[in-house]
Amino acid sequence: MDEAMNRDEFEGTVVLEKLAEMNQLDEFLEAVDADDFKKAKSLMKRANVDSHTIAIVLEKMAAADSDH
């Protein structure tokens, strides 16, 4: 079973909604797939995602990456 983060893990979250409003959702998902933490964080900041939520998303990305 692939433990990598995917779109389903974010579905319906504030993060996806805010990124979609900015037309940045695809770019964010590409950053997640590429383990590009800096870009993912930057996109979330531009979408006005709160710092607590950003930290949770980055932790999930790191956890998914360590399972590979």
C-alpha atoms as a PDB file:
ATOM      1  CA  MET A   1       0.000   0.000   0.000  1.00  0.00           C
ATOM      2  CA  ASP A   2       1.369   3.395  -0.983  1.00  0.00           C
ATOM      3  CA  GLU A   3       1.768   5.554   2.109  1.00  0.00           C
ATOM      4  CA  ALA A   4       2.537   8.703   0.119  1.00  0.00           C
ATOM      5  CA  MET A   5       0.269  11.633   0.727  1.00  0.00           C
ATOM      6  CA  ASN A   6      -2.394  12.040  -1.881  1.00  0.00           C
ATOM      7  CA  ARG A   7      -5.287  14.314  -2.678  1.00  0.00           C
ATOM      8  CA  ASP A   8      -7.701  12.183  -0.610  1.00  0.00           C
ATOM      9  CA  GLU A   9      -5.796  13.024   2.573  1.00  0.00           C
ATOM     10  CA  PHE A  10      -6.491  16.708   2.040  1.00  0.00           C
ATOM     11  CA  GLU A  11     -10.012  16.394   0.602  1.00  0.00           C
ATOM     12  CA  GLY A  12     -12.448  18.869   2.067  1.00  0.00           C
ATOM     13  CA  THR A  13      -9.848  20.643   4.143  1.00  0.00           C
ATOM     14  CA  VAL A  14      -9.419  24.352   4.516  1.00  0.00           C
ATOM     15  CA  VAL A  15      -6.024  23.988   2.862  1.00  0.00           C
ATOM     16  CA  LEU A  16      -7.498  22.637  -0.368  1.00  0.00           C
ATOM     17  CA  GLU A  17     -10.308  25.145  -0.375  1.00  0.00           C
ATOM     18  CA  LYS A  18      -7.991  28.104   0.048  1.00  0.00           C
ATOM     19  CA  LEU A  19      -5.522  26.833  -2.543  1.00  0.00           C
ATOM     20  CA  ALA A  20      -8.337  26.177  -5.018  1.00  0.00           C
ATOM     21  CA  GLU A  21      -9.626  29.726  -4.546  1.00  0.00           C
ATOM     22  CA  MET A  22      -6.195  30.948  -5.633  1.00  0.00           C
ATOM     23  CA  ASN A  23      -5.932  28.439  -8.506  1.00  0.00           C
ATOM     24  CA  GLN A  24      -2.857  26.987  -6.800  1.00  0.00           C
ATOM     25  CA  LEU A  25      -4.174  23.535  -5.924  1.00  0.00           C
ATOM     26  CA  ASP A  26      -2.396  21.655  -8.718  1.00  0.00           C
ATOM     27  CA  GLU A  27       0.872  23.435  -7.945  1.00  0.00           C
ATOM     28  CA  PHE A  28       0.497  22.535  -4.257  1.00  0.00           C
ATOM     29  CA  LEU A  29      -0.218  18.869  -5.001  1.00  0.00           C
ATOM     30  CA  GLU A  30       2.812  18.745  -7.305  1.00  0.00           C
ATOM     31  CA  ALA A  31       4.937  20.191  -4.501  1.00  0.00           C
ATOM     32  CA  VAL A  32       3.624  17.536  -2.101  1.00  0.00           C
ATOM     33  CA  ASP A  33       4.329  14.761  -4.612  1.00  0.00           C
ATOM     34  CA  ALA A  34       7.852  16.095  -5.106  1.00  0.00           C
ATOM     35  CA  ASP A  35       8.460  16.442  -1.349  1.00  0.00           C
ATOM     36  CA  ASP A  36       9.091  20.142  -1.952  1.00  0.00           C
ATOM     37  CA  PHE A  37       8.411  21.362   1.592  1.00  0.00           C
ATOM     38  CA  LYS A  38       9.547  24.918   0.891  1.00  0.00           C
ATOM     39  CA  LYS A  39       7.181  25.351  -2.050  1.00  0.00           C
ATOM     40  CA  ALA A  40       4.258  23.695  -0.251  1.00  0.00           C
ATOM     41  CA  LYS A  41       4.774  25.987   2.744  1.00  0.00           C
ATOM     42  CA  SER A  42       5.063  29.055   0.542  1.00  0.00           C
ATOM     43  CA  LEU A  43       1.851  28.234  -1.312  1.00  0.00           C
ATOM     44  CA  MET A  44      -0.032  27.669   1.938  1.00  0.00           C
ATOM     45  CA  LYS A  45       1.238  30.982   3.332  1.00  0.00           C
ATOM     46  CA  ARG A  46       0.106  32.814   0.185  1.00  0.00           C
ATOM     47  CA  ALA A  47      -3.317  31.169   0.622  1.00  0.00           C
ATOM     48  CA  ASN A  48      -3.481  32.549   4.187  1.00  0.00           C
ATOM     49  CA  VAL A  49      -3.444  29.111   5.804  1.00  0.00           C
ATOM     50  CA  ASP A  50      -2.727  29.494   9.518  1.00  0.00           C
ATOM     51  CA  SER A  51       0.694  28.485  10.841  1.00  0.00           C
ATOM     52  CA  HIS A  52      -0.685  25.639  12.966  1.00  0.00           C
ATOM     53  CA  THR A  53      -2.315  24.024   9.935  1.00  0.00           C
ATOM     54  CA  ILE A  54       0.821  24.539   7.840  1.00  0.00           C
ATOM     55  CA  ALA A  55       2.841  22.743  10.520  1.00  0.00           C
ATOM     56  CA  ILE A  56       0.423  19.799  10.517  1.00  0.00           C
ATOM     57  CA  VAL A  57       0.548  19.486   6.724  1.00  0.00           C
ATOM     58  CA  LEU A  58       4.353  19.613   6.713  1.00  0.00           C
ATOM     59  CA  GLU A  59       4.490  16.973   9.469  1.00  0.00           C
ATOM     60  CA  LYS A  60       2.208  14.711   7.415  1.00  0.00           C
ATOM     61  CA  MET A  61       4.414  15.241   4.377  1.00  0.00           C
ATOM     62  CA  ALA A  62       7.502  14.300   6.385  1.00  0.00           C
ATOM     63  CA  ALA A  63       5.804  11.233   7.871  1.00  0.00           C
ATOM     64  CA  ALA A  64       4.672  10.061   4.437  1.00  0.00           C
ATOM     65  CA  ASP A  65       8.179  10.602   3.079  1.00  0.00           C
ATOM     66  CA  SER A  66       9.793   8.598   5.885  1.00  0.00           C
ATOM     67  CA  ASP A  67       7.521   5.642   5.143  1.00  0.00           C
ATOM     68  CA  HIS A  68       9.056   5.189   1.673  1.00  0.00           C
END
